[in-house]
Amino acid sequence: MCYTPICAMTGADAPMLGCSSPARGPRPPTHGAARHARPLARPARGTSLNHMTCSQLNACDAGFVARLDAELPRGTLRPVAAGYLSEPRGRWQGVAGGVALPRNVDEVAKIVRACHAACVGIVPYGGGTGLVGGQIAPDGPAPLLLSLERMQSIRASYPSENVLIAEAGAILADVQAAAENEDRLFPLSLASEGSARIGGLLATNAGGVNVLRYGNARDLVLGLEAVLPDGQIWHGLKRLRKDNTGYDLRHLLLGSEGTLGVITAASLRLFPRNHAEGAALLVVDSPSAALELLALAQAKLSGMISAFELIGGMGLAFLAETMPQVRQPFPQPPAWMVLLDLGVPDGIDLPPLLESVLTDAMTRGLITDGLIAQNAAQRAEFWEIRESIPEANRHIGSVSSHDISLPLSDVPAFIERAGPELARIGAFRINCFGHLGDGNLHYNVFPMPGRSRADHEHQRDAIKTCVHDLVDAMGGSVSAEHGIGRLKTGDLERYGDPTKLAAMRAIKAALDPVGIMNPGAILRRV
């Protein structure tokens, strides 16, 4: 298959550009369970339990599971399959006394009320794709896992309003498909969209590749339905663009990682589908040149750039080493390249517009080589390169991985400074890539050839501190899109604003005084 090189572009031969389809992934396994008879104590109807406190949480033991099982429909509670107790990076093994698989919000509320009354912790579970350990509890009293995987309905769609209402267990790819069936676009997109579920994506305020154009997950939500820590249901599934009626509980729950309640459904914003889509891989001399290219593209393609991804040569080398089936775009891997992805409405002829911008960029010396996808299949190949890099990283085995964000103008300086700082600790390979358009880098540190991550175990903390100290000094964030989970609680304490942390603890204590909701995530349990 041939790509169109930029140097061969002409107005008459400008390539047609297309779109690709998302992949779908597996769903977690489930297993059967026995039933029991003794009922659970129930709170009086209409009574809030927010006054309750626990000196410590109780384990989700066999007795609690038996009593809760008797109160729920058959098959709602099951033993915990191994897949629920692992996380993608393999750093922790979770513990849990059982897994609950409710079918509706009323069952979720009943489960949460029971855990609240018994001081049993709850770990909400989406698709299990989180990278900071928010979906598992590796220690402490065994909690109850609350999986929303059965709640996967698309409850309603309102194409004239550009709104779709989805339950928390809906897989992102299925929500995207439901929007497409209405000739609309749900723009949240990331590598795990075939298995990640809406509830988890909203609870972590997921980012992805289209943040530059459409924003983070929280920017795509108009309303929520959720169960609060005392078991009360918040009916907030509004479809309003304007609702200025006090504190916005929606934005409090979005990004709370299941520590303030359980999201059960959401009113999601849709957008008109692009009439045409295209992509180009562009070789640049440096991250500084990539930023200049971004500024030029934004000036000439305002509102049409869906993604602007920075890819380093080390990522391409890792692909060649571990995933040779992924086609390399250039004979020799460049030190830096950019994946530019575009979408335009009806009435705009994309190929000549893109040609004009890239010709200007070459004239200015911002790009030295490049390829334009001629069709949907080639665009998909470009994206396969970008989306395969995390898997290649896993094959190599990182010493320390970092999901960081920086002010755009400081990105080149960070990249220039971080390498020499790390060299003081030891010799490493750096794979820097990510969503340059919104300032989010994945800055990952790997052993040199012939060595393993185990050889650098004693240096991991020093590496992480080195990178994060520099990010903090430059006004950045040590968690751009993955969240805090359990992996970064110490980082939040080290780098977080003390006033903000105090306010977060006060909010947690007010909404969840028992401390049952995802204990140990974001904030340490004290």
Protein backbone atom coordinates (compact mmCIF):
# COMPACT_ATOMS: atom_id res chain seq x y z
CA MET A 1 0.00 0.00 0.00
CA CYS A 2 1.43 3.39 -0.97
CA TYR A 3 1.14 6.60 1.01
CA THR A 4 1.31 10.03 -0.51
CA PRO A 5 4.59 11.76 0.36
CA ILE A 6 4.25 15.45 1.03
CA CYS A 7 6.84 16.31 -1.61
CA ALA A 8 4.56 14.71 -4.25
CA MET A 9 1.42 16.68 -3.41
CA THR A 10 -0.36 18.61 -6.11
CA GLY A 11 -3.78 20.14 -6.17
CA ALA A 12 -5.01 17.66 -8.78
CA ASP A 13 -3.52 14.62 -7.05
CA ALA A 14 -4.39 15.52 -3.47
CA PRO A 15 -5.31 12.27 -1.68
CA MET A 16 -8.72 11.39 -0.37
CA LEU A 17 -8.81 10.81 3.36
CA GLY A 18 -11.04 8.58 5.47
CA CYS A 19 -11.83 7.18 8.90
CA SER A 20 -11.26 3.93 10.78
CA SER A 21 -13.41 1.78 13.07
CA PRO A 22 -12.76 1.15 16.78
CA ALA A 23 -11.82 -2.29 18.06
CA ARG A 24 -13.74 -4.16 20.70
CA GLY A 25 -12.20 -6.11 23.54
CA PRO A 26 -13.13 -8.89 26.00
CA ARG A 27 -15.37 -8.50 29.00
CA PRO A 28 -14.56 -9.73 32.52
CA PRO A 29 -15.57 -13.29 33.48
CA THR A 30 -18.19 -14.05 36.10
CA HIS A 31 -18.96 -17.08 38.22
CA GLY A 32 -21.93 -18.46 40.14
CA ALA A 33 -22.59 -18.26 43.90
CA ALA A 34 -24.72 -19.96 46.53
CA ARG A 35 -27.63 -18.19 48.22
CA HIS A 36 -28.34 -17.65 51.91
CA ALA A 37 -31.25 -16.58 54.03
CA ARG A 38 -30.50 -14.22 56.93
CA PRO A 39 -31.62 -10.66 56.01
CA LEU A 40 -29.54 -7.53 56.40
CA ALA A 41 -30.54 -4.70 58.66
CA ARG A 42 -32.06 -1.85 56.67
CA PRO A 43 -32.20 1.86 57.43
CA ALA A 44 -35.57 3.49 57.89
CA ARG A 45 -37.03 4.78 54.63
CA GLY A 46 -35.91 8.32 53.87
CA THR A 47 -33.21 8.26 56.55
CA SER A 48 -29.75 9.51 55.64
CA LEU A 49 -26.84 7.58 57.09
CA ASN A 50 -24.32 10.39 56.81
CA HIS A 51 -24.03 10.63 60.59
CA MET A 52 -22.46 7.16 60.81
CA THR A 53 -18.72 6.70 61.24
CA CYS A 54 -16.44 3.67 61.49
CA SER A 55 -13.22 3.55 63.45
CA GLN A 56 -12.11 0.97 60.90
CA LEU A 57 -13.65 -0.88 58.01
CA ASN A 58 -14.84 -4.46 58.27
CA ALA A 59 -13.98 -7.17 55.78
CA CYS A 60 -16.47 -8.35 53.22
CA ASP A 61 -16.55 -11.82 54.77
CA ALA A 62 -18.67 -14.87 54.09
CA GLY A 63 -21.31 -13.83 56.61
CA PHE A 64 -21.81 -10.40 55.06
CA VAL A 65 -21.89 -11.88 51.56
CA ALA A 66 -24.49 -14.44 52.65
CA ARG A 67 -26.76 -11.82 54.19
CA LEU A 68 -26.46 -9.45 51.23
CA ASP A 69 -26.98 -12.30 48.77
CA ALA A 70 -30.33 -13.11 50.36
CA GLU A 71 -31.51 -9.55 49.72
CA LEU A 72 -30.61 -9.43 46.03
CA PRO A 73 -31.80 -11.21 42.88
CA ARG A 74 -30.18 -14.57 42.25
CA GLY A 75 -26.76 -14.31 40.65
CA THR A 76 -26.10 -10.70 41.68
CA LEU A 77 -23.30 -11.73 44.03
CA ARG A 78 -20.54 -13.99 42.80
CA PRO A 79 -17.10 -15.19 43.87
CA VAL A 80 -14.29 -12.99 42.66
CA ALA A 81 -12.67 -14.22 39.44
CA ALA A 82 -8.94 -13.58 39.10
CA GLY A 83 -9.43 -11.02 36.34
CA TYR A 84 -11.05 -8.60 38.77
CA LEU A 85 -8.02 -8.65 41.08
CA SER A 86 -5.32 -7.69 38.58
CA GLU A 87 -4.47 -4.44 36.85
CA PRO A 88 -2.87 -3.81 33.45
CA ARG A 89 0.62 -3.00 34.68
CA GLY A 90 0.83 -6.05 36.94
CA ARG A 91 2.15 -4.16 39.94
CA TRP A 92 -0.55 -5.18 42.41
CA GLN A 93 -2.77 -8.10 43.21
CA GLY A 94 -6.10 -7.07 44.70
CA VAL A 95 -8.18 -8.58 47.48
CA ALA A 96 -11.97 -8.73 47.67
CA GLY A 97 -14.59 -10.76 49.49
CA GLY A 98 -17.00 -10.94 46.55
CA VAL A 99 -18.18 -9.18 43.43
CA ALA A 100 -21.63 -7.65 43.01
CA LEU A 101 -23.10 -7.30 39.52
CA PRO A 102 -26.26 -5.19 39.85
CA ARG A 103 -28.67 -4.78 36.94
CA ASN A 104 -30.08 -1.35 37.83
CA VAL A 105 -29.58 1.68 40.02
CA ASP A 106 -31.95 0.42 42.72
CA GLU A 107 -29.83 -2.68 43.19
CA VAL A 108 -26.70 -0.51 43.34
CA ALA A 109 -28.36 1.60 46.04
CA LYS A 110 -29.33 -1.49 48.06
CA ILE A 111 -25.76 -2.80 47.91
CA VAL A 112 -24.25 0.53 48.93
CA ARG A 113 -26.70 0.93 51.83
CA ALA A 114 -25.78 -2.52 53.11
CA CYS A 115 -22.05 -1.81 52.92
CA HIS A 116 -22.58 1.54 54.61
CA ALA A 117 -24.49 -0.04 57.49
CA ALA A 118 -21.90 -2.79 57.92
CA CYS A 119 -18.82 -0.57 57.44
CA VAL A 120 -17.67 -2.68 54.49
CA GLY A 121 -15.57 -1.01 51.80
CA ILE A 122 -16.69 -0.83 48.17
CA VAL A 123 -14.42 -0.70 45.13
CA PRO A 124 -16.42 0.36 42.04
CA TYR A 125 -15.26 -1.53 38.97
CA GLY A 126 -15.60 -0.51 35.33
CA GLY A 127 -13.59 -2.17 32.59
CA GLY A 128 -10.46 -2.72 34.66
CA THR A 129 -8.32 -0.68 32.27
CA GLY A 130 -7.13 1.99 34.73
CA LEU A 131 -3.36 2.44 35.01
CA VAL A 132 -3.03 3.79 38.57
CA GLY A 133 -4.63 0.99 40.58
CA GLY A 134 -7.92 2.70 41.32
CA GLN A 135 -9.91 -0.43 40.48
CA ILE A 136 -8.30 -2.82 42.98
CA ALA A 137 -7.57 -2.84 46.72
CA PRO A 138 -4.21 -4.55 47.32
CA ASP A 139 -4.40 -4.50 51.11
CA GLY A 140 -6.61 -3.74 54.08
CA PRO A 141 -9.94 -5.40 54.94
CA ALA A 142 -11.27 -7.17 51.87
CA PRO A 143 -13.86 -4.90 50.18
CA LEU A 144 -16.82 -5.74 47.97
CA LEU A 145 -16.15 -5.21 44.28
CA LEU A 146 -19.09 -3.45 42.65
CA SER A 147 -19.00 -4.08 38.90
CA LEU A 148 -21.33 -2.11 36.64
CA GLU A 149 -20.79 -4.44 33.66
CA ARG A 150 -24.43 -5.57 33.53
CA MET A 151 -25.69 -1.99 33.35
CA GLN A 152 -24.76 -1.35 29.74
CA SER A 153 -27.94 -0.06 28.15
CA ILE A 154 -28.26 3.01 25.97
CA ARG A 155 -31.35 4.35 27.70
CA ALA A 156 -32.23 7.06 25.22
CA SER A 157 -30.87 9.25 22.46
CA TYR A 158 -31.88 12.75 21.42
CA PRO A 159 -30.09 13.46 18.14
CA SER A 160 -31.75 16.84 17.69
CA GLU A 161 -30.29 17.83 21.08
CA ASN A 162 -26.98 16.04 20.51
CA VAL A 163 -27.49 13.99 23.68
CA LEU A 164 -27.28 10.29 24.47
CA ILE A 165 -28.01 8.67 27.85
CA ALA A 166 -25.85 5.63 28.60
CA GLU A 167 -25.52 3.42 31.64
CA ALA A 168 -22.18 3.17 33.40
CA GLY A 169 -21.41 -0.34 32.21
CA ALA A 170 -21.67 0.53 28.52
CA ILE A 171 -18.41 -0.06 26.68
CA LEU A 172 -17.02 3.09 25.07
CA ALA A 173 -16.92 1.53 21.60
CA ASP A 174 -20.61 0.65 21.90
CA VAL A 175 -21.46 4.22 22.91
CA GLN A 176 -19.50 5.48 19.91
CA ALA A 177 -21.45 3.08 17.68
CA ALA A 178 -24.78 4.18 19.17
CA ALA A 179 -23.89 7.78 18.39
CA GLU A 180 -22.92 6.84 14.84
CA ASN A 181 -26.30 5.16 14.40
CA GLU A 182 -27.82 8.60 14.97
CA ASP A 183 -25.34 10.18 12.54
CA ARG A 184 -23.56 11.74 15.50
CA LEU A 185 -20.13 11.54 17.10
CA PHE A 186 -19.21 10.77 20.70
CA PRO A 187 -15.60 11.95 20.58
CA LEU A 188 -14.04 10.34 23.65
CA SER A 189 -11.43 8.01 22.14
CA LEU A 190 -8.53 6.06 23.58
CA ALA A 191 -6.65 2.83 23.00
CA SER A 192 -8.77 0.81 25.46
CA GLU A 193 -12.13 1.88 24.02
CA GLY A 194 -13.01 -1.74 23.20
CA SER A 195 -13.09 -2.65 26.90
CA ALA A 196 -13.20 0.58 28.94
CA ARG A 197 -16.65 1.38 30.34
CA ILE A 198 -18.36 4.74 30.57
CA GLY A 199 -18.64 4.77 34.36
CA GLY A 200 -14.94 4.25 34.88
CA LEU A 201 -14.02 6.73 32.16
CA LEU A 202 -16.13 9.42 33.78
CA ALA A 203 -15.02 8.55 37.30
CA THR A 204 -11.41 9.05 36.19
CA ASN A 205 -12.12 12.03 33.91
CA ALA A 206 -10.41 10.19 31.07
CA GLY A 207 -8.53 12.11 28.41
CA GLY A 208 -7.55 10.35 25.21
CA VAL A 209 -6.53 11.56 21.78
CA ASN A 210 -9.30 14.09 21.06
CA VAL A 211 -8.96 16.38 24.08
CA LEU A 212 -7.46 19.12 21.92
CA ARG A 213 -10.75 19.49 20.05
CA TYR A 214 -13.47 18.15 22.35
CA GLY A 215 -12.08 18.28 25.90
CA ASN A 216 -11.73 15.69 28.65
CA ALA A 217 -14.47 13.29 29.71
CA ARG A 218 -15.99 15.85 32.10
CA ASP A 219 -16.51 18.23 29.18
CA LEU A 220 -18.71 15.63 27.49
CA VAL A 221 -21.18 15.16 30.36
CA LEU A 222 -24.40 17.13 30.89
CA GLY A 223 -25.87 15.11 33.74
CA LEU A 224 -25.36 12.09 35.97
CA GLU A 225 -27.28 9.48 37.88
CA ALA A 226 -25.29 8.25 40.86
CA VAL A 227 -25.56 6.47 44.19
CA LEU A 228 -23.99 8.39 47.06
CA PRO A 229 -22.07 6.72 49.90
CA ASP A 230 -25.14 6.40 52.14
CA GLY A 231 -27.12 4.66 49.41
CA GLN A 232 -29.22 7.63 48.31
CA ILE A 233 -29.79 7.97 44.57
CA TRP A 234 -29.02 11.30 42.95
CA HIS A 235 -31.30 11.73 39.95
CA GLY A 236 -29.24 14.22 37.97
CA LEU A 237 -29.67 12.98 34.40
CA LYS A 238 -30.49 16.39 33.00
CA ARG A 239 -29.87 17.31 29.38
CA LEU A 240 -29.31 21.00 30.04
CA ARG A 241 -26.46 23.15 28.79
CA LYS A 242 -27.31 25.74 31.43
CA ASP A 243 -28.23 24.88 35.03
CA ASN A 244 -26.90 27.45 37.46
CA THR A 245 -28.53 26.11 40.63
CA GLY A 246 -25.79 25.88 43.22
CA TYR A 247 -22.91 23.49 43.73
CA ASP A 248 -22.31 21.25 40.72
CA LEU A 249 -22.35 17.72 42.13
CA ARG A 250 -21.76 16.43 38.61
CA HIS A 251 -18.27 17.86 38.43
CA LEU A 252 -17.54 16.69 41.97
CA LEU A 253 -18.22 13.07 41.01
CA LEU A 254 -16.46 13.31 37.64
CA GLY A 255 -12.82 12.53 38.35
CA SER A 256 -13.51 11.35 41.91
CA GLU A 257 -12.46 7.77 41.05
CA GLY A 258 -15.34 6.19 42.93
CA THR A 259 -14.39 7.78 46.25
CA LEU A 260 -17.53 9.93 46.55
CA GLY A 261 -20.18 7.68 45.00
CA VAL A 262 -20.99 5.30 42.18
CA ILE A 263 -21.88 6.74 38.76
CA THR A 264 -24.66 4.61 37.26
CA ALA A 265 -25.64 6.56 34.12
CA ALA A 266 -24.76 9.74 32.26
CA SER A 267 -26.23 12.22 29.80
CA LEU A 268 -23.48 12.53 27.21
CA ARG A 269 -22.82 15.28 24.69
CA LEU A 270 -22.77 14.32 21.04
CA PHE A 271 -21.42 16.24 18.07
CA PRO A 272 -22.11 16.28 14.33
CA ARG A 273 -20.08 13.66 12.53
CA ASN A 274 -17.21 14.85 10.39
CA HIS A 275 -17.94 14.85 6.68
CA ALA A 276 -14.33 13.94 5.90
CA GLU A 277 -11.38 12.89 8.03
CA GLY A 278 -7.70 12.69 7.31
CA ALA A 279 -4.30 12.10 8.83
CA ALA A 280 -0.66 12.87 8.15
CA LEU A 281 2.62 11.69 9.65
CA LEU A 282 5.06 14.59 9.66
CA VAL A 283 8.77 14.48 10.46
CA VAL A 284 9.99 17.38 12.59
CA ASP A 285 13.46 18.24 13.84
CA SER A 286 12.47 18.83 17.44
CA PRO A 287 9.58 19.26 19.88
CA SER A 288 10.00 23.01 19.40
CA ALA A 289 9.37 22.63 15.69
CA ALA A 290 6.35 20.45 16.49
CA LEU A 291 4.88 23.25 18.61
CA GLU A 292 5.44 25.77 15.83
CA LEU A 293 3.70 23.38 13.46
CA LEU A 294 0.79 23.10 15.89
CA ALA A 295 0.45 26.88 16.04
CA LEU A 296 0.47 27.12 12.25
CA ALA A 297 -2.07 24.32 11.87
CA GLN A 298 -4.38 25.83 14.47
CA ALA A 299 -4.22 29.21 12.76
CA LYS A 300 -5.19 27.73 9.39
CA LEU A 301 -7.36 24.80 10.49
CA SER A 302 -9.16 26.32 13.45
CA GLY A 303 -11.57 23.85 15.02
CA MET A 304 -10.70 21.04 12.61
CA ILE A 305 -7.73 19.44 14.39
CA SER A 306 -8.90 16.38 16.31
CA ALA A 307 -5.50 15.19 17.49
CA PHE A 308 -1.88 16.29 17.41
CA GLU A 309 0.32 13.47 18.68
CA LEU A 310 4.08 13.59 19.28
CA ILE A 311 5.96 10.34 18.58
CA GLY A 312 9.62 9.88 19.43
CA GLY A 313 12.12 7.73 17.59
CA MET A 314 12.53 5.44 20.59
CA GLY A 315 8.88 4.47 20.34
CA LEU A 316 9.37 3.50 16.69
CA ALA A 317 12.47 1.52 17.64
CA PHE A 318 10.51 -0.35 20.32
CA LEU A 319 7.84 -1.18 17.74
CA ALA A 320 10.45 -2.54 15.34
CA GLU A 321 11.95 -4.63 18.13
CA THR A 322 8.81 -6.07 19.69
CA MET A 323 5.97 -5.66 17.16
CA PRO A 324 7.45 -5.97 13.66
CA GLN A 325 3.97 -6.55 12.23
CA VAL A 326 3.27 -2.84 12.76
CA ARG A 327 4.36 -1.17 9.55
CA GLN A 328 7.08 1.45 9.92
CA PRO A 329 6.24 4.65 8.01
CA PHE A 330 9.80 5.66 7.10
CA PRO A 331 12.91 3.67 6.07
CA GLN A 332 14.84 5.17 8.98
CA PRO A 333 12.93 6.06 12.15
CA PRO A 334 13.04 9.85 12.61
CA ALA A 335 13.97 11.32 15.96
CA TRP A 336 10.57 13.02 16.15
CA MET A 337 7.37 12.97 14.19
CA VAL A 338 3.83 14.21 14.58
CA LEU A 339 0.54 12.49 13.84
CA LEU A 340 -1.90 15.18 12.71
CA ASP A 341 -5.54 14.06 12.57
CA LEU A 342 -8.33 16.21 11.09
CA GLY A 343 -12.07 16.19 10.65
CA VAL A 344 -14.11 18.70 8.65
CA PRO A 345 -17.81 19.38 8.12
CA ASP A 346 -19.66 19.22 4.84
CA GLY A 347 -18.72 21.97 2.41
CA ILE A 348 -14.98 21.91 3.11
CA ASP A 349 -12.66 20.15 0.69
CA LEU A 350 -10.06 18.71 3.04
CA PRO A 351 -7.25 17.47 0.73
CA PRO A 352 -6.32 20.83 -0.85
CA LEU A 353 -6.71 22.57 2.50
CA LEU A 354 -4.33 20.13 4.17
CA GLU A 355 -1.94 20.35 1.22
CA SER A 356 -1.81 24.12 1.55
CA VAL A 357 -1.00 23.99 5.26
CA LEU A 358 1.71 21.37 4.90
CA THR A 359 3.29 23.11 1.93
CA ASP A 360 3.50 26.26 4.03
CA ALA A 361 5.02 24.24 6.89
CA MET A 362 7.68 22.80 4.59
CA THR A 363 8.48 26.24 3.23
CA ARG A 364 9.01 27.46 6.79
CA GLY A 365 11.24 24.48 7.59
CA LEU A 366 8.90 23.10 10.24
CA ILE A 367 8.64 19.66 8.64
CA THR A 368 11.31 17.80 6.71
CA ASP A 369 9.34 14.83 5.43
CA GLY A 370 5.88 13.38 5.71
CA LEU A 371 3.12 11.12 4.50
CA ILE A 372 -0.58 11.74 3.97
CA ALA A 373 -3.08 8.92 4.24
CA GLN A 374 -4.84 8.36 0.93
CA ASN A 375 -7.76 6.44 2.40
CA ALA A 376 -9.33 5.11 5.59
CA ALA A 377 -7.08 2.05 5.72
CA GLN A 378 -3.93 4.17 5.63
CA ARG A 379 -5.30 6.49 8.29
CA ALA A 380 -5.90 3.42 10.43
CA GLU A 381 -2.29 2.32 9.84
CA PHE A 382 -1.05 5.69 11.05
CA TRP A 383 -3.13 5.34 14.21
CA GLU A 384 -1.96 1.76 14.69
CA ILE A 385 1.57 3.08 15.03
CA ARG A 386 0.57 5.54 17.72
CA GLU A 387 -1.73 3.19 19.61
CA SER A 388 0.72 0.27 19.54
CA ILE A 389 3.46 2.16 21.36
CA PRO A 390 2.05 1.45 24.87
CA GLU A 391 1.99 -2.28 24.09
CA ALA A 392 5.57 -2.13 22.81
CA ASN A 393 6.49 -0.38 26.04
CA ARG A 394 5.01 -3.28 28.02
CA HIS A 395 7.07 -5.76 26.01
CA ILE A 396 10.25 -3.86 26.82
CA GLY A 397 9.31 -3.30 30.48
CA SER A 398 9.62 0.24 31.82
CA VAL A 399 11.55 1.13 34.94
CA SER A 400 9.23 4.07 35.60
CA SER A 401 6.32 5.52 33.58
CA HIS A 402 5.01 9.06 33.88
CA ASP A 403 1.71 10.59 32.75
CA ILE A 404 2.47 14.29 32.93
CA SER A 405 1.23 17.59 31.58
CA LEU A 406 3.01 20.88 31.11
CA PRO A 407 2.27 24.35 29.80
CA LEU A 408 2.70 23.97 26.05
CA SER A 409 5.54 26.43 25.76
CA ASP A 410 7.52 24.54 28.44
CA VAL A 411 7.31 21.11 26.78
CA PRO A 412 10.55 21.45 24.75
CA ALA A 413 12.50 22.72 27.77
CA PHE A 414 11.24 19.84 29.90
CA ILE A 415 12.31 17.26 27.31
CA GLU A 416 15.70 18.93 26.97
CA ARG A 417 16.28 19.07 30.74
CA ALA A 418 14.84 15.74 31.85
CA GLY A 419 17.30 13.53 29.96
CA PRO A 420 20.46 14.99 31.54
CA GLU A 421 18.82 14.97 34.98
CA LEU A 422 18.06 11.26 34.66
CA ALA A 423 21.58 10.56 33.38
CA ARG A 424 22.85 11.52 36.83
CA ILE A 425 20.96 8.51 38.20
CA GLY A 426 21.99 6.01 35.52
CA ALA A 427 21.92 5.06 31.86
CA PHE A 428 18.41 4.68 30.45
CA ARG A 429 16.39 4.75 27.26
CA ILE A 430 13.63 7.37 27.14
CA ASN A 431 10.43 6.92 25.18
CA CYS A 432 8.63 10.25 25.12
CA PHE A 433 5.33 10.45 23.25
CA GLY A 434 1.81 11.68 23.79
CA HIS A 435 -0.86 14.26 23.22
CA LEU A 436 1.28 17.28 22.44
CA GLY A 437 -1.75 19.32 21.40
CA ASP A 438 -2.97 19.49 25.00
CA GLY A 439 0.44 19.35 26.72
CA ASN A 440 0.14 15.74 27.92
CA LEU A 441 3.30 13.64 27.61
CA HIS A 442 3.92 10.01 28.45
CA TYR A 443 7.53 10.17 29.57
CA ASN A 444 8.68 6.61 30.16
CA VAL A 445 12.08 5.39 31.32
CA PHE A 446 13.46 2.00 30.19
CA PRO A 447 16.59 -0.07 30.83
CA MET A 448 19.37 -0.17 28.30
CA PRO A 449 19.55 -3.19 25.96
CA GLY A 450 20.69 -6.31 27.81
CA ARG A 451 19.30 -5.11 31.13
CA SER A 452 15.86 -5.51 32.72
CA ARG A 453 13.60 -3.36 34.85
CA ALA A 454 14.54 -5.55 37.82
CA ASP A 455 18.12 -4.31 37.52
CA HIS A 456 16.89 -0.79 38.27
CA GLU A 457 14.36 -1.53 40.99
CA HIS A 458 16.51 0.33 43.53
CA GLN A 459 16.46 3.44 41.31
CA ARG A 460 12.74 3.58 40.52
CA ASP A 461 11.80 6.02 43.28
CA ALA A 462 14.70 8.31 42.42
CA ILE A 463 13.69 8.31 38.75
CA LYS A 464 10.08 9.13 39.53
CA THR A 465 11.06 11.89 41.93
CA CYS A 466 13.49 13.36 39.40
CA VAL A 467 10.84 13.53 36.68
CA HIS A 468 8.02 14.74 38.91
CA ASP A 469 10.14 17.36 40.68
CA LEU A 470 11.01 18.87 37.31
CA VAL A 471 7.38 18.75 36.17
CA ASP A 472 6.26 20.46 39.36
CA ALA A 473 8.97 23.11 39.12
CA MET A 474 7.77 23.94 35.60
CA GLY A 475 4.14 24.35 36.66
CA GLY A 476 2.95 20.99 35.37
CA SER A 477 0.92 18.09 36.73
CA VAL A 478 2.17 14.64 37.74
CA SER A 479 -1.11 13.08 36.60
CA ALA A 480 -2.45 14.44 33.33
CA GLU A 481 -5.13 11.90 32.44
CA HIS A 482 -4.71 8.61 34.33
CA GLY A 483 -5.80 9.91 37.73
CA ILE A 484 -4.37 9.29 41.20
CA GLY A 485 -5.73 5.87 42.15
CA ARG A 486 -3.47 4.14 44.66
CA LEU A 487 -0.27 4.57 42.67
CA LYS A 488 -0.01 8.34 43.07
CA THR A 489 -1.44 9.08 46.52
CA GLY A 490 2.05 9.96 47.72
CA ASP A 491 2.62 12.19 44.70
CA LEU A 492 -0.61 14.04 45.43
CA GLU A 493 0.57 14.68 48.98
CA ARG A 494 4.03 15.76 47.83
CA TYR A 495 3.00 18.05 44.99
CA GLY A 496 -0.62 18.95 45.70
CA ASP A 497 -1.59 22.36 47.03
CA PRO A 498 -2.15 22.00 50.82
CA THR A 499 -5.32 24.08 50.75
CA LYS A 500 -6.75 21.97 47.95
CA LEU A 501 -5.86 18.75 49.79
CA ALA A 502 -7.56 19.98 52.95
CA ALA A 503 -10.68 20.84 50.97
CA MET A 504 -10.62 17.41 49.31
CA ARG A 505 -10.41 15.68 52.69
CA ALA A 506 -13.27 17.80 54.01
CA ILE A 507 -15.44 16.90 51.01
CA LYS A 508 -14.61 13.21 51.44
CA ALA A 509 -15.46 13.35 55.15
CA ALA A 510 -18.74 15.16 54.47
CA LEU A 511 -20.01 12.81 51.76
CA ASP A 512 -18.43 9.57 52.97
CA PRO A 513 -17.82 9.80 56.73
CA VAL A 514 -17.87 6.00 56.99
CA GLY A 515 -15.05 5.87 54.45
CA ILE A 516 -16.44 2.95 52.46
CA MET A 517 -16.05 4.33 48.95
CA ASN A 518 -12.90 3.03 47.26
CA PRO A 519 -10.85 3.25 50.45
CA GLY A 520 -7.24 4.21 49.85
CA ALA A 521 -7.80 5.69 46.40
CA ILE A 522 -6.80 9.35 45.86
CA LEU A 523 -6.59 10.03 49.61
CA ARG A 524 -4.90 7.68 52.05
CA ARG A 525 -7.20 6.24 54.70
CA VAL A 526 -6.10 7.56 58.10
